[in-house]
């Protein structure tokens, strides 16, 4: 659909903090009031973090009367990775306003706002957004990757339910220690080696997630929320981390992984229990996690802990070749 055809009478402007309840509603129109409030807070925190770290980030809204009828954002930074010419968009349009080119208009504005040519444009959407997926295909996008997300109500989470598992592992000689409490002089090198070992098994759409972490604590990770599993011989054999998008943003799960030689013993579950205890102590009421679509083992761990798994997220890529294109996502 041409971005300049049937453009509705809606004013396009940059998003403001007070817009986020409306932005959350556009992204999930069937959510209840509490879910929308939590989603708005997460989106605002994520966008504020993006604005502070990604100079090419922009979010626009389209307003008709006193109501938001569409939103779209573009960013160069995706999970800490930036590639020249690659940008990521998300866009959502009120169902009553779809089919009029409003989504394409917003994304066209965003593409023009970033410096330099757009070589590739990526978009992620949930598998239950069927009309949007069909329209992306019509615009030349190809599905490249599937991932899953999940959320947990920490108010109902009871760590005591896993006391037996933790006691059994501790009786076998394993210890679960917050990273700041480790005092070995070579702890950074040892943890980095463990992370690189775990990274090899991460199911990811490259280059969204680097093949190997170069930093012990990546940006946004909470030191007190990084729990390390020590084997009976003192070797680091597992980790689970927490991260926060911006100083006041919501807390989310980071990397969880166990050395191959120590899997199948419940260590991943125990590590995640310890990290969720920290998140709860920090005042988080809900927490999210996710992984590659083929990472069924970690998905099962999260389901056992009570996480509610959401519909799959589909990643689409359009090869733009540096030329101006038009795209609708959810329009």
Foldseek 3Di string as FASTA:
>chain_A
DDLPFLADPWDKDFDDLVCLLLVLCQQPVPDDPVVSVQNSQQVVLQLVLQVVPFVLKTKMFTHDDHHTFKIKIKTQAFLRDGDPQEIEMDMGGHPVPPPRNNQLNRVLVSCVSGDFFRQKYKYKDFPVLVVLVVQQVVQAKDWDFKKWKWKAQLVPFDLVVCVVLVVVQVVQQKDKAQQVPDDPPCVFVLQQVQQLQFLCPADDDPPSPPSGDPGSADPFWDSRLWIFMAHNVRHTFWIWTWGARDPPGQIETDDTGGHPVPPPSCPSLVRVSVSSVVSVVVPHRMYMDMGGPVPVVVVVSVVVSPIDMDGMMIMIMHRPRRDRGTGGGND
